[in-house]
N, C-alpha and C. Protein backbone atom coordinates (compact mmCIF):
# COMPACT_ATOMS: atom_id res chain seq x y z
N UNK A 1 129.99 -94.31 -72.24
CA UNK A 1 130.59 -93.08 -71.25
C UNK A 1 131.10 -93.76 -70.18
N UNK A 2 132.53 -93.04 -70.07
CA UNK A 2 133.18 -93.23 -68.60
C UNK A 2 132.53 -92.24 -67.74
N UNK A 3 132.35 -92.65 -66.53
CA UNK A 3 132.05 -92.21 -65.29
C UNK A 3 133.28 -92.00 -64.41
N UNK A 4 133.59 -90.92 -63.82
CA UNK A 4 134.36 -90.91 -62.67
C UNK A 4 133.98 -89.96 -61.60
N UNK A 5 134.27 -90.67 -60.43
CA UNK A 5 133.92 -89.86 -59.08
C UNK A 5 135.06 -88.75 -58.77
N UNK A 6 134.71 -87.50 -58.25
CA UNK A 6 135.56 -85.85 -58.05
C UNK A 6 135.42 -85.68 -56.76
N UNK A 7 136.37 -85.28 -55.89
CA UNK A 7 136.71 -84.74 -55.10
C UNK A 7 136.16 -83.72 -54.89
N UNK A 8 134.88 -82.93 -54.12
CA UNK A 8 134.52 -81.96 -54.41
C UNK A 8 134.76 -80.91 -52.68
N UNK A 9 135.95 -81.75 -51.70
CA UNK A 9 135.91 -80.91 -51.02
C UNK A 9 137.56 -79.96 -51.24
N UNK A 10 138.07 -80.06 -52.47
CA UNK A 10 138.80 -79.43 -52.88
C UNK A 10 138.75 -78.18 -53.77
N UNK A 11 139.44 -76.99 -53.56
CA UNK A 11 139.49 -75.81 -54.93
C UNK A 11 140.19 -76.24 -55.89
N UNK A 12 139.68 -76.50 -56.95
CA UNK A 12 140.58 -76.61 -58.32
C UNK A 12 139.40 -76.27 -59.39
N UNK A 13 139.94 -76.22 -60.52
CA UNK A 13 139.50 -76.68 -61.73
C UNK A 13 139.67 -77.96 -62.32
N UNK A 14 138.26 -78.64 -62.82
CA UNK A 14 138.59 -79.51 -63.22
C UNK A 14 138.00 -79.45 -64.96
N UNK A 15 139.08 -79.89 -65.98
CA UNK A 15 138.67 -80.10 -67.42
C UNK A 15 138.80 -80.79 -68.11
N UNK A 16 137.61 -81.32 -68.81
CA UNK A 16 137.33 -82.52 -69.31
C UNK A 16 137.60 -82.62 -70.67
N UNK A 17 138.48 -83.27 -71.47
CA UNK A 17 138.65 -83.38 -72.80
C UNK A 17 139.13 -84.58 -73.31
N UNK A 18 137.97 -85.23 -74.32
CA UNK A 18 138.57 -86.32 -74.81
C UNK A 18 138.26 -87.32 -73.81
N UNK A 19 137.35 -86.87 -73.02
CA UNK A 19 137.43 -88.24 -72.07
C UNK A 19 138.22 -88.48 -70.64
N UNK A 20 139.13 -87.87 -70.74
CA UNK A 20 139.91 -87.45 -69.68
C UNK A 20 139.99 -86.10 -68.62
N UNK A 21 139.81 -86.12 -67.73
CA UNK A 21 139.87 -85.33 -66.65
C UNK A 21 140.74 -84.37 -65.98
N UNK A 22 141.35 -83.63 -66.03
CA UNK A 22 142.62 -82.42 -65.78
C UNK A 22 142.50 -81.22 -64.50
N UNK A 23 143.23 -82.03 -63.43
CA UNK A 23 142.96 -80.80 -62.82
C UNK A 23 143.73 -79.81 -62.55
N UNK A 24 143.18 -78.57 -62.38
CA UNK A 24 143.99 -77.33 -62.34
C UNK A 24 144.11 -76.55 -61.10
N UNK A 25 144.67 -76.86 -60.38
CA UNK A 25 145.18 -76.15 -58.74
C UNK A 25 145.06 -74.99 -59.15
N UNK A 26 144.58 -74.17 -58.03
CA UNK A 26 144.65 -72.79 -57.61
C UNK A 26 145.72 -71.96 -57.78
N UNK A 27 145.83 -71.12 -58.22
CA UNK A 27 147.33 -70.12 -58.18
C UNK A 27 148.23 -70.09 -56.74
N UNK A 28 149.25 -70.35 -56.65
CA UNK A 28 150.17 -70.28 -55.47
C UNK A 28 149.47 -69.09 -54.20
N UNK A 29 149.82 -67.95 -54.88
CA UNK A 29 149.01 -67.10 -54.03
C UNK A 29 147.70 -66.88 -53.40
N UNK A 30 147.01 -67.43 -53.78
CA UNK A 30 145.57 -67.63 -53.87
C UNK A 30 144.81 -67.00 -54.40
N UNK A 31 145.99 -65.55 -55.11
CA UNK A 31 144.71 -64.49 -56.55
C UNK A 31 145.15 -64.57 -57.32
N UNK A 32 144.50 -64.81 -58.66
CA UNK A 32 145.06 -64.69 -59.83
C UNK A 32 143.64 -64.61 -61.25
N UNK A 33 144.14 -65.09 -61.77
CA UNK A 33 143.45 -65.08 -63.26
C UNK A 33 143.67 -66.15 -63.93
N UNK A 34 142.91 -67.10 -64.40
CA UNK A 34 143.10 -68.64 -64.87
C UNK A 34 142.23 -68.69 -66.38
N UNK A 35 142.81 -68.56 -67.16
CA UNK A 35 142.02 -68.32 -68.71
C UNK A 35 141.87 -69.64 -69.53
N UNK A 36 140.82 -70.52 -69.62
CA UNK A 36 140.89 -71.50 -70.41
C UNK A 36 140.89 -70.78 -71.93
N UNK A 37 141.76 -71.63 -72.63
CA UNK A 37 141.97 -71.60 -74.22
C UNK A 37 141.44 -72.65 -74.92
N UNK A 38 140.31 -72.04 -75.96
CA UNK A 38 139.60 -73.05 -76.50
C UNK A 38 140.26 -72.87 -78.15
N UNK A 39 140.22 -74.55 -78.47
CA UNK A 39 140.92 -74.19 -80.13
C UNK A 39 139.72 -75.52 -80.53
N UNK A 40 139.19 -75.16 -81.72
CA UNK A 40 138.31 -76.13 -82.09
C UNK A 40 137.42 -77.19 -81.13
N UNK A 41 136.83 -76.29 -80.12
CA UNK A 41 135.76 -76.47 -79.12
C UNK A 41 136.30 -77.55 -77.70
N UNK A 42 137.83 -77.64 -77.88
CA UNK A 42 138.46 -78.28 -77.02
C UNK A 42 139.46 -77.54 -76.25
N UNK A 43 139.59 -77.59 -74.93
CA UNK A 43 140.37 -76.40 -74.17
C UNK A 43 141.68 -76.73 -74.58
N UNK A 44 142.56 -76.29 -74.79
CA UNK A 44 144.31 -76.32 -75.43
C UNK A 44 144.53 -76.20 -74.22
N UNK A 45 144.66 -75.05 -73.45
CA UNK A 45 145.68 -74.71 -72.10
C UNK A 45 144.93 -73.84 -71.44
N UNK A 46 145.52 -73.55 -70.37
CA UNK A 46 145.03 -72.69 -69.47
C UNK A 46 146.03 -71.93 -68.93
N UNK A 47 145.83 -70.44 -69.06
CA UNK A 47 146.61 -69.64 -68.89
C UNK A 47 146.49 -68.89 -67.83
N UNK A 48 148.04 -68.18 -66.83
CA UNK A 48 147.78 -68.17 -65.93
C UNK A 48 148.14 -66.46 -66.21
N UNK A 49 147.63 -65.63 -65.42
CA UNK A 49 147.79 -64.54 -65.49
C UNK A 49 147.81 -63.95 -64.34
């Protein structure tokens, strides 16, 4: 199992998929909705609404 250190001082979503960490930044406006779309037990994409 691989371990990583994360920065908890910044606001963002962190997605772990197949051992890799992907950061999703908050909407530029500071408001909005981000929906993680799951397919076959894994996050496929994050839709911004």
